[in-house]
């Protein structure tokens, strides 16, 4: 399983928020807030029964972009991301009306274990 490390997750979130350039590392003062947000999103996904991750152990590449989008959405206000980027990021968060695109992508990666109702349809 190809994984992205805890440190790389933090770097990707910082880049999504445009806090650092490609060659830079995450400053310690940013890392604390980013780590808290990564853990928060992990807890929310678990509480909503969407997915269960231990982000500190790394994450498979398949989930990274969506997880980074959800985390960046939590941090857009905290880091003072300017408009219109702030609104774009915030629209990817968990719990936005009608479910954000990032939340729908994450849910699609982990189909529900609940029984699905299939309605019979006859096309004439």
Foldseek 3Di string as FASTA:
>chain_A
DDWDALQRLLVLLCVLLVVDDPVDGDDPVSSVLLVVLLVVLQVVCVVVVQDHDPPNGTDDPLLRVLSSLQSNLVCLVVVVRDPPSNVVSVQSYPPDPPHHPSRVSSSVVRPDPDDDDDDDDDDD
